[in-house]
Amino acid sequence: MPPSPASSKSSETSSLKKFFGAFTVIIPARLASTRLPNKPLADIEGEPMIVRVAKQAALSNAQKVVVACDHESIKTACEHFSIQVVMTKEDHPSGSDRLAQACQLLNLKDHEIVVNVQGDEPLIDPAMINAVAILLEQESDLMMSTVAHPISNLKDFTNPNVVKVVLDQKSRAHYFSRAPIPWSRDEFSQGIHQLPKISALRHVGLYGYRVGFLKKFPTLEPTALEKIEALEQLRALSHGYPIGVHVSCAHPGPGVDTQEDLEQVRLIIRERNLT
């Protein structure tokens, strides 16, 4: 009998907890948000969302967790809850640029490992944070790592807002896309009505980096594939840098992009507190 989802997740978490390598979690936080104003400071059961994210990340094996922000109000909120924070420039074009500056401010060495946890993931699984660090610790030629999990329904497979990834024989990223990949010529000849026999995985926006590469990444020329797919990680692949992928049996908790997402996360945490 196959293991239940609960037991599979427990097994995964247990095995990842055996890892004791040194790494730092950096959480980029930008005050401006088009869909949800002041998102990092959104209240979730008495704590700002950015604080919830930092506390969740602290449940991993990270040596330290640092918020890299662009506004004094975020800095003040973090310090109130004793969360380490660094101030970065307001005009960074991407989260990776903000991370690169944070690494410099923290005087991190090029060989060190940094895990980028998004500031709108208050339910991020600490085991996934450990997993991306483990990949870099175990495979010395990797500069970057991430997480993916199986796609279980047709809606996600065809949704352009769900980023898909296909892997090579070494379980490294072969390609990321918003499109339903791989395209099954025979199965899809009459339209997409079911998941293909071989399906892409759903990409989780959680990344591990070697600090030296993270500092170099913003200097790499953006590529045509990155621009057309609007996926920054394609820049690394296009320039020949492999990305290791941890395939998780667990789905991540919902992130927060909209007010509806925020209400869903509030409800989940409220129910957890009650139990």
C-alpha atoms as a PDB file:
ATOM      1  CA  MET A   1       0.000   0.000   0.000  1.00  0.00           C
ATOM      2  CA  PRO A   2       1.467   3.419  -0.923  1.00  0.00           C
ATOM      3  CA  PRO A   3       2.138   5.832   1.950  1.00  0.00           C
ATOM      4  CA  SER A   4      -0.505   8.413   2.727  1.00  0.00           C
ATOM      5  CA  PRO A   5       0.232  12.067   1.811  1.00  0.00           C
ATOM      6  CA  ALA A   6       0.586  12.829   5.523  1.00  0.00           C
ATOM      7  CA  SER A   7       3.118  10.055   6.115  1.00  0.00           C
ATOM      8  CA  SER A   8       5.028  10.974   2.935  1.00  0.00           C
ATOM      9  CA  LYS A   9       5.339  14.573   4.072  1.00  0.00           C
ATOM     10  CA  SER A  10       6.418  13.442   7.537  1.00  0.00           C
ATOM     11  CA  SER A  11       9.106  11.208   6.024  1.00  0.00           C
ATOM     12  CA  GLU A  12      10.361  14.016   3.781  1.00  0.00           C
ATOM     13  CA  THR A  13      10.538  16.481   6.674  1.00  0.00           C
ATOM     14  CA  SER A  14      12.335  13.941   8.867  1.00  0.00           C
ATOM     15  CA  SER A  15      14.997  13.181   6.254  1.00  0.00           C
ATOM     16  CA  LEU A  16      15.627  16.849   5.526  1.00  0.00           C
ATOM     17  CA  LYS A  17      15.970  17.655   9.209  1.00  0.00           C
ATOM     18  CA  LYS A  18      19.124  15.511   9.239  1.00  0.00           C
ATOM     19  CA  PHE A  19      20.863  18.257   7.246  1.00  0.00           C
ATOM     20  CA  PHE A  20      22.924  20.625   9.376  1.00  0.00           C
ATOM     21  CA  GLY A  21      24.787  22.623   6.717  1.00  0.00           C
ATOM     22  CA  ALA A  22      25.207  26.342   7.267  1.00  0.00           C
ATOM     23  CA  PHE A  23      23.040  28.682   5.224  1.00  0.00           C
ATOM     24  CA  THR A  24      21.272  32.031   5.512  1.00  0.00           C
ATOM     25  CA  VAL A  25      17.663  32.825   4.632  1.00  0.00           C
ATOM     26  CA  ILE A  26      17.089  36.260   3.109  1.00  0.00           C
ATOM     27  CA  ILE A  27      13.526  37.516   2.637  1.00  0.00           C
ATOM     28  CA  PRO A  28      13.205  40.437   0.192  1.00  0.00           C
ATOM     29  CA  ALA A  29      10.375  42.801   1.164  1.00  0.00           C
ATOM     30  CA  ARG A  30       9.146  45.693  -0.943  1.00  0.00           C
ATOM     31  CA  LEU A  31       6.436  47.985   0.406  1.00  0.00           C
ATOM     32  CA  ALA A  32       4.877  48.864  -2.962  1.00  0.00           C
ATOM     33  CA  SER A  33       2.434  46.291  -4.349  1.00  0.00           C
ATOM     34  CA  THR A  34      -0.034  46.869  -7.171  1.00  0.00           C
ATOM     35  CA  ARG A  35      -2.568  44.240  -6.112  1.00  0.00           C
ATOM     36  CA  LEU A  36      -2.270  44.479  -2.321  1.00  0.00           C
ATOM     37  CA  PRO A  37      -0.998  47.816  -0.919  1.00  0.00           C
ATOM     38  CA  ASN A  38       1.513  47.606   1.963  1.00  0.00           C
ATOM     39  CA  LYS A  39       1.484  43.825   1.646  1.00  0.00           C
ATOM     40  CA  PRO A  40       4.481  43.058   3.941  1.00  0.00           C
ATOM     41  CA  LEU A  41       2.690  44.846   6.810  1.00  0.00           C
ATOM     42  CA  ALA A  42      -0.679  43.144   6.322  1.00  0.00           C
ATOM     43  CA  ASP A  43      -1.922  41.909   9.703  1.00  0.00           C
ATOM     44  CA  ILE A  44      -2.234  38.144  10.182  1.00  0.00           C
ATOM     45  CA  GLU A  45      -3.565  37.282  13.619  1.00  0.00           C
ATOM     46  CA  GLY A  46      -1.731  40.132  15.335  1.00  0.00           C
ATOM     47  CA  GLU A  47       1.569  40.014  13.423  1.00  0.00           C
ATOM     48  CA  PRO A  48       2.684  41.628  10.132  1.00  0.00           C
ATOM     49  CA  MET A  49       2.942  39.146   7.260  1.00  0.00           C
ATOM     50  CA  ILE A  50       6.704  39.713   6.856  1.00  0.00           C
ATOM     51  CA  VAL A  51       7.170  38.742  10.521  1.00  0.00           C
ATOM     52  CA  ARG A  52       5.093  35.593   9.997  1.00  0.00           C
ATOM     53  CA  VAL A  53       7.303  34.663   7.026  1.00  0.00           C
ATOM     54  CA  ALA A  54      10.499  35.241   9.014  1.00  0.00           C
ATOM     55  CA  LYS A  55       9.261  33.175  11.952  1.00  0.00           C
ATOM     56  CA  GLN A  56       8.266  30.338   9.632  1.00  0.00           C
ATOM     57  CA  ALA A  57      11.670  30.449   7.920  1.00  0.00           C
ATOM     58  CA  ALA A  58      13.339  30.335  11.345  1.00  0.00           C
ATOM     59  CA  LEU A  59      11.856  26.832  11.800  1.00  0.00           C
ATOM     60  CA  SER A  60      14.293  25.621   9.124  1.00  0.00           C
ATOM     61  CA  ASN A  61      17.940  24.815   9.809  1.00  0.00           C
ATOM     62  CA  ALA A  62      19.102  28.269   8.688  1.00  0.00           C
ATOM     63  CA  GLN A  63      21.858  29.841  10.790  1.00  0.00           C
ATOM     64  CA  LYS A  64      20.088  33.181  10.504  1.00  0.00           C
ATOM     65  CA  VAL A  65      17.025  34.733   8.885  1.00  0.00           C
ATOM     66  CA  VAL A  66      17.262  38.281   7.551  1.00  0.00           C
ATOM     67  CA  VAL A  67      14.642  40.561   5.977  1.00  0.00           C
ATOM     68  CA  ALA A  68      15.985  42.783   3.175  1.00  0.00           C
ATOM     69  CA  CYS A  69      13.536  45.689   2.932  1.00  0.00           C
ATOM     70  CA  ASP A  70      13.165  49.017   1.150  1.00  0.00           C
ATOM     71  CA  HIS A  71      11.129  51.051   3.645  1.00  0.00           C
ATOM     72  CA  GLU A  72      11.541  52.250   7.215  1.00  0.00           C
ATOM     73  CA  SER A  73       8.072  50.990   8.198  1.00  0.00           C
ATOM     74  CA  ILE A  74       9.050  47.389   7.375  1.00  0.00           C
ATOM     75  CA  LYS A  75      12.331  47.801   9.249  1.00  0.00           C
ATOM     76  CA  THR A  76      10.498  49.108  12.318  1.00  0.00           C
ATOM     77  CA  ALA A  77       7.980  46.237  12.248  1.00  0.00           C
ATOM     78  CA  CYS A  78      10.745  43.620  12.011  1.00  0.00           C
ATOM     79  CA  GLU A  79      12.796  45.175  14.808  1.00  0.00           C
ATOM     80  CA  HIS A  80       9.707  45.281  17.044  1.00  0.00           C
ATOM     81  CA  PHE A  81       9.534  41.476  16.769  1.00  0.00           C
ATOM     82  CA  SER A  82      13.346  41.032  17.032  1.00  0.00           C
ATOM     83  CA  ILE A  83      13.707  40.026  13.363  1.00  0.00           C
ATOM     84  CA  GLN A  84      17.101  40.872  11.829  1.00  0.00           C
ATOM     85  CA  VAL A  85      16.708  43.350   8.968  1.00  0.00           C
ATOM     86  CA  VAL A  86      18.846  45.285   6.468  1.00  0.00           C
ATOM     87  CA  MET A  87      17.801  48.330   4.459  1.00  0.00           C
ATOM     88  CA  THR A  88      18.277  48.071   0.688  1.00  0.00           C
ATOM     89  CA  LYS A  89      17.661  50.473  -2.190  1.00  0.00           C
ATOM     90  CA  GLU A  90      14.077  51.229  -3.218  1.00  0.00           C
ATOM     91  CA  ASP A  91      14.710  51.030  -6.963  1.00  0.00           C
ATOM     92  CA  HIS A  92      15.953  47.452  -7.372  1.00  0.00           C
ATOM     93  CA  PRO A  93      14.473  46.004 -10.598  1.00  0.00           C
ATOM     94  CA  SER A  94      14.067  42.510  -9.103  1.00  0.00           C
ATOM     95  CA  GLY A  95      14.188  40.494  -5.922  1.00  0.00           C
ATOM     96  CA  SER A  96      17.517  38.936  -6.906  1.00  0.00           C
ATOM     97  CA  ASP A  97      19.088  42.406  -7.145  1.00  0.00           C
ATOM     98  CA  ARG A  98      17.835  43.141  -3.621  1.00  0.00           C
ATOM     99  CA  LEU A  99      19.264  39.823  -2.410  1.00  0.00           C
ATOM    100  CA  ALA A 100      22.633  40.580  -3.979  1.00  0.00           C
ATOM    101  CA  GLN A 101      22.839  43.901  -2.119  1.00  0.00           C
ATOM    102  CA  ALA A 102      21.769  42.206   1.122  1.00  0.00           C
ATOM    103  CA  CYS A 103      24.614  39.683   0.741  1.00  0.00           C
ATOM    104  CA  GLN A 104      27.071  42.562   0.469  1.00  0.00           C
ATOM    105  CA  LEU A 105      25.591  44.324   3.499  1.00  0.00           C
ATOM    106  CA  LEU A 106      25.844  41.096   5.499  1.00  0.00           C
ATOM    107  CA  ASN A 107      29.428  40.490   4.317  1.00  0.00           C
ATOM    108  CA  LEU A 108      28.586  36.978   3.168  1.00  0.00           C
ATOM    109  CA  LYS A 109      31.392  35.063   1.436  1.00  0.00           C
ATOM    110  CA  ASP A 110      31.095  33.836  -2.147  1.00  0.00           C
ATOM    111  CA  HIS A 111      31.067  30.150  -1.139  1.00  0.00           C
ATOM    112  CA  GLU A 112      28.210  30.589   1.346  1.00  0.00           C
ATOM    113  CA  ILE A 113      24.643  29.476   0.629  1.00  0.00           C
ATOM    114  CA  VAL A 114      21.630  31.780   0.684  1.00  0.00           C
ATOM    115  CA  VAL A 115      17.988  30.723   0.411  1.00  0.00           C
ATOM    116  CA  ASN A 116      15.560  33.285  -0.989  1.00  0.00           C
ATOM    117  CA  VAL A 117      12.164  32.998   0.724  1.00  0.00           C
ATOM    118  CA  GLN A 118       9.466  35.207  -0.764  1.00  0.00           C
ATOM    119  CA  GLY A 119       8.004  37.801   1.607  1.00  0.00           C
ATOM    120  CA  ASP A 120       4.427  36.748   0.814  1.00  0.00           C
ATOM    121  CA  GLU A 121       4.759  33.074   1.857  1.00  0.00           C
ATOM    122  CA  PRO A 122       3.738  32.971   5.550  1.00  0.00           C
ATOM    123  CA  LEU A 123       2.991  29.233   5.293  1.00  0.00           C
ATOM    124  CA  ILE A 124       6.247  28.184   3.604  1.00  0.00           C
ATOM    125  CA  ASP A 125       7.340  24.678   4.605  1.00  0.00           C
ATOM    126  CA  PRO A 126      10.668  24.798   6.503  1.00  0.00           C
ATOM    127  CA  ALA A 127      11.557  21.396   4.995  1.00  0.00           C
ATOM    128  CA  MET A 128      11.493  22.957   1.514  1.00  0.00           C
ATOM    129  CA  ILE A 129      13.878  25.677   2.684  1.00  0.00           C
ATOM    130  CA  ASN A 130      16.263  22.988   3.924  1.00  0.00           C
ATOM    131  CA  ALA A 131      15.880  21.066   0.653  1.00  0.00           C
ATOM    132  CA  VAL A 132      17.207  23.791  -1.648  1.00  0.00           C
ATOM    133  CA  ALA A 133      20.192  24.305   0.667  1.00  0.00           C
ATOM    134  CA  ILE A 134      20.892  20.561   0.697  1.00  0.00           C
ATOM    135  CA  LEU A 135      21.072  20.444  -3.114  1.00  0.00           C
ATOM    136  CA  LEU A 136      23.767  23.116  -3.183  1.00  0.00           C
ATOM    137  CA  GLU A 137      25.622  21.475  -0.305  1.00  0.00           C
ATOM    138  CA  GLN A 138      25.655  18.091  -2.027  1.00  0.00           C
ATOM    139  CA  GLU A 139      26.271  19.118  -5.662  1.00  0.00           C
ATOM    140  CA  SER A 140      29.260  21.436  -5.914  1.00  0.00           C
ATOM    141  CA  ASP A 141      28.718  22.394  -9.577  1.00  0.00           C
ATOM    142  CA  LEU A 142      25.257  23.834  -8.875  1.00  0.00           C
ATOM    143  CA  MET A 143      24.994  27.604  -8.472  1.00  0.00           C
ATOM    144  CA  MET A 144      21.224  27.662  -7.976  1.00  0.00           C
ATOM    145  CA  SER A 145      18.461  25.364  -6.722  1.00  0.00           C
ATOM    146  CA  THR A 146      14.681  25.361  -6.397  1.00  0.00           C
ATOM    147  CA  VAL A 147      11.622  23.200  -5.620  1.00  0.00           C
ATOM    148  CA  ALA A 148       8.786  21.664  -7.637  1.00  0.00           C
ATOM    149  CA  HIS A 149       5.955  19.225  -7.013  1.00  0.00           C
ATOM    150  CA  PRO A 150       3.676  17.069  -9.207  1.00  0.00           C
ATOM    151  CA  ILE A 151       0.719  18.702 -10.942  1.00  0.00           C
ATOM    152  CA  SER A 152      -2.481  16.928  -9.971  1.00  0.00           C
ATOM    153  CA  ASN A 153      -5.157  18.673 -12.022  1.00  0.00           C
ATOM    154  CA  LEU A 154      -5.784  19.973 -15.534  1.00  0.00           C
ATOM    155  CA  LYS A 155      -6.614  23.498 -14.343  1.00  0.00           C
ATOM    156  CA  ASP A 156      -3.100  24.047 -13.006  1.00  0.00           C
ATOM    157  CA  PHE A 157      -1.529  22.402 -16.053  1.00  0.00           C
ATOM    158  CA  THR A 158      -3.191  24.874 -18.437  1.00  0.00           C
ATOM    159  CA  ASN A 159      -3.019  27.956 -16.162  1.00  0.00           C
ATOM    160  CA  PRO A 160      -0.353  30.432 -17.420  1.00  0.00           C
ATOM    161  CA  ASN A 161       0.014  31.779 -13.878  1.00  0.00           C
ATOM    162  CA  VAL A 162       1.227  28.350 -12.744  1.00  0.00           C
ATOM    163  CA  VAL A 163       4.876  28.035 -13.758  1.00  0.00           C
ATOM    164  CA  LYS A 164       5.854  24.596 -15.017  1.00  0.00           C
ATOM    165  CA  VAL A 165       9.290  22.964 -15.105  1.00  0.00           C
ATOM    166  CA  VAL A 166      10.542  19.861 -16.917  1.00  0.00           C
ATOM    167  CA  LEU A 167      13.653  18.080 -15.670  1.00  0.00           C
ATOM    168  CA  ASP A 168      16.623  16.420 -17.321  1.00  0.00           C
ATOM    169  CA  GLN A 169      18.082  13.034 -16.385  1.00  0.00           C
ATOM    170  CA  LYS A 170      19.966  14.575 -13.428  1.00  0.00           C
ATOM    171  CA  SER A 171      16.780  16.088 -11.953  1.00  0.00           C
ATOM    172  CA  ARG A 172      17.908  19.538 -13.000  1.00  0.00           C
ATOM    173  CA  ALA A 173      15.740  22.119 -14.691  1.00  0.00           C
ATOM    174  CA  HIS A 174      15.552  21.546 -18.443  1.00  0.00           C
ATOM    175  CA  TYR A 175      13.086  24.393 -19.088  1.00  0.00           C
ATOM    176  CA  PHE A 176      10.561  26.571 -17.246  1.00  0.00           C
ATOM    177  CA  SER A 177       7.388  27.759 -18.944  1.00  0.00           C
ATOM    178  CA  ARG A 178       3.948  29.193 -18.354  1.00  0.00           C
ATOM    179  CA  ALA A 179       2.680  26.947 -21.150  1.00  0.00           C
ATOM    180  CA  PRO A 180       1.412  23.361 -20.691  1.00  0.00           C
ATOM    181  CA  ILE A 181       4.625  21.386 -21.254  1.00  0.00           C
ATOM    182  CA  PRO A 182       5.608  18.970 -22.592  1.00  0.00           C
ATOM    183  CA  TRP A 183       3.137  19.177 -25.465  1.00  0.00           C
ATOM    184  CA  SER A 184       1.775  15.698 -26.107  1.00  0.00           C
ATOM    185  CA  ARG A 185       1.274  15.639 -29.878  1.00  0.00           C
ATOM    186  CA  ASP A 186      -1.029  12.620 -29.917  1.00  0.00           C
ATOM    187  CA  GLU A 187      -2.914  13.172 -26.649  1.00  0.00           C
ATOM    188  CA  PHE A 188      -3.557  16.862 -27.385  1.00  0.00           C
ATOM    189  CA  SER A 189      -4.510  16.495 -31.052  1.00  0.00           C
ATOM    190  CA  GLN A 190      -8.160  17.194 -30.187  1.00  0.00           C
ATOM    191  CA  GLY A 191      -7.421  19.695 -27.406  1.00  0.00           C
ATOM    192  CA  ILE A 192      -6.196  19.371 -23.813  1.00  0.00           C
ATOM    193  CA  HIS A 193      -8.780  17.285 -21.964  1.00  0.00           C
ATOM    194  CA  GLN A 194      -6.580  15.426 -19.499  1.00  0.00           C
ATOM    195  CA  LEU A 195      -3.094  15.500 -18.009  1.00  0.00           C
ATOM    196  CA  PRO A 196      -0.513  13.902 -20.305  1.00  0.00           C
ATOM    197  CA  LYS A 197       1.146  10.643 -19.319  1.00  0.00           C
ATOM    198  CA  ILE A 198       4.357  12.595 -18.723  1.00  0.00           C
ATOM    199  CA  SER A 199       3.636  15.993 -17.202  1.00  0.00           C
ATOM    200  CA  ALA A 200       5.736  18.931 -16.112  1.00  0.00           C
ATOM    201  CA  LEU A 201       6.047  19.729 -12.417  1.00  0.00           C
ATOM    202  CA  ARG A 202       4.641  22.818 -10.736  1.00  0.00           C
ATOM    203  CA  HIS A 203       7.468  25.182  -9.850  1.00  0.00           C
ATOM    204  CA  VAL A 204       7.618  26.676  -6.356  1.00  0.00           C
ATOM    205  CA  GLY A 205       9.208  30.154  -6.210  1.00  0.00           C
ATOM    206  CA  LEU A 206      11.817  29.243  -3.611  1.00  0.00           C
ATOM    207  CA  TYR A 207      15.504  29.485  -4.549  1.00  0.00           C
ATOM    208  CA  GLY A 208      18.892  28.608  -3.140  1.00  0.00           C
ATOM    209  CA  TYR A 209      22.028  30.389  -4.391  1.00  0.00           C
ATOM    210  CA  ARG A 210      25.732  30.380  -3.885  1.00  0.00           C
ATOM    211  CA  VAL A 211      26.506  33.931  -2.841  1.00  0.00           C
ATOM    212  CA  GLY A 212      29.151  34.417  -5.536  1.00  0.00           C
ATOM    213  CA  PHE A 213      26.629  33.539  -8.253  1.00  0.00           C
ATOM    214  CA  LEU A 214      23.917  35.651  -6.661  1.00  0.00           C
ATOM    215  CA  LYS A 215      26.201  38.681  -6.827  1.00  0.00           C
ATOM    216  CA  LYS A 216      26.950  37.889 -10.479  1.00  0.00           C
ATOM    217  CA  PHE A 217      23.376  37.145 -11.572  1.00  0.00           C
ATOM    218  CA  PRO A 218      22.155  40.765 -11.883  1.00  0.00           C
ATOM    219  CA  THR A 219      25.076  41.493 -14.229  1.00  0.00           C
ATOM    220  CA  LEU A 220      24.058  38.752 -16.694  1.00  0.00           C
ATOM    221  CA  GLU A 221      22.324  40.011 -19.821  1.00  0.00           C
ATOM    222  CA  PRO A 222      18.550  39.339 -19.757  1.00  0.00           C
ATOM    223  CA  THR A 223      17.662  36.879 -22.510  1.00  0.00           C
ATOM    224  CA  ALA A 224      14.866  36.676 -25.064  1.00  0.00           C
ATOM    225  CA  LEU A 225      13.344  33.580 -23.426  1.00  0.00           C
ATOM    226  CA  GLU A 226      13.329  35.271 -20.020  1.00  0.00           C
ATOM    227  CA  LYS A 227      11.553  38.305 -21.472  1.00  0.00           C
ATOM    228  CA  ILE A 228       8.917  36.413 -23.472  1.00  0.00           C
ATOM    229  CA  GLU A 229       8.031  34.020 -20.618  1.00  0.00           C
ATOM    230  CA  ALA A 230       8.533  36.702 -17.918  1.00  0.00           C
ATOM    231  CA  LEU A 231      10.548  34.160 -15.890  1.00  0.00           C
ATOM    232  CA  GLU A 232      13.829  35.432 -14.455  1.00  0.00           C
ATOM    233  CA  GLN A 233      15.203  31.938 -13.772  1.00  0.00           C
ATOM    234  CA  LEU A 234      15.472  31.318 -17.524  1.00  0.00           C
ATOM    235  CA  ARG A 235      18.372  33.799 -17.547  1.00  0.00           C
ATOM    236  CA  ALA A 236      20.463  31.350 -15.526  1.00  0.00           C
ATOM    237  CA  LEU A 237      19.670  28.439 -17.856  1.00  0.00           C
ATOM    238  CA  SER A 238      20.261  30.531 -20.989  1.00  0.00           C
ATOM    239  CA  HIS A 239      23.704  31.524 -19.723  1.00  0.00           C
ATOM    240  CA  GLY A 240      24.605  27.897 -18.995  1.00  0.00           C
ATOM    241  CA  TYR A 241      24.098  27.743 -15.225  1.00  0.00           C
ATOM    242  CA  PRO A 242      22.275  24.547 -14.133  1.00  0.00           C
ATOM    243  CA  ILE A 243      19.443  24.734 -11.608  1.00  0.00           C
ATOM    244  CA  GLY A 244      18.961  21.782  -9.283  1.00  0.00           C
ATOM    245  CA  VAL A 245      15.345  20.870  -8.510  1.00  0.00           C
ATOM    246  CA  HIS A 246      14.121  19.182  -5.345  1.00  0.00           C
ATOM    247  CA  VAL A 247      10.906  17.313  -6.139  1.00  0.00           C
ATOM    248  CA  SER A 248       8.667  17.547  -3.100  1.00  0.00           C
ATOM    249  CA  CYS A 249       5.819  15.201  -2.279  1.00  0.00           C
ATOM    250  CA  ALA A 250       4.118  18.087  -0.447  1.00  0.00           C
ATOM    251  CA  HIS A 251       2.379  21.118  -1.881  1.00  0.00           C
ATOM    252  CA  PRO A 252       3.374  24.492  -0.394  1.00  0.00           C
ATOM    253  CA  GLY A 253       0.906  26.571   1.587  1.00  0.00           C
ATOM    254  CA  PRO A 254      -0.849  29.349  -0.359  1.00  0.00           C
ATOM    255  CA  GLY A 255       1.061  32.561  -0.986  1.00  0.00           C
ATOM    256  CA  VAL A 256      -0.483  36.030  -0.753  1.00  0.00           C
ATOM    257  CA  ASP A 257      -0.989  38.097  -3.909  1.00  0.00           C
ATOM    258  CA  THR A 258      -4.526  39.406  -3.417  1.00  0.00           C
ATOM    259  CA  GLN A 259      -6.930  40.307  -0.615  1.00  0.00           C
ATOM    260  CA  GLU A 260      -8.666  36.958  -1.152  1.00  0.00           C
ATOM    261  CA  ASP A 261      -5.349  35.150  -0.665  1.00  0.00           C
ATOM    262  CA  LEU A 262      -4.764  37.131   2.522  1.00  0.00           C
ATOM    263  CA  GLU A 263      -8.151  36.159   3.931  1.00  0.00           C
ATOM    264  CA  GLN A 264      -7.481  32.492   3.128  1.00  0.00           C
ATOM    265  CA  VAL A 265      -4.134  32.550   4.944  1.00  0.00           C
ATOM    266  CA  ARG A 266      -5.676  34.368   7.912  1.00  0.00           C
ATOM    267  CA  LEU A 267      -8.301  31.643   8.164  1.00  0.00           C
ATOM    268  CA  ILE A 268      -5.718  28.834   7.997  1.00  0.00           C
ATOM    269  CA  ILE A 269      -3.564  30.382  10.731  1.00  0.00           C
ATOM    270  CA  ARG A 270      -6.603  31.188  12.885  1.00  0.00           C
ATOM    271  CA  GLU A 271      -7.718  27.549  12.688  1.00  0.00           C
ATOM    272  CA  ARG A 272      -4.206  26.368  13.534  1.00  0.00           C
ATOM    273  CA  ASN A 273      -4.136  28.616  16.583  1.00  0.00           C
ATOM    274  CA  LEU A 274      -7.463  27.210  17.733  1.00  0.00           C
ATOM    275  CA  THR A 275      -6.234  23.625  17.502  1.00  0.00           C
END
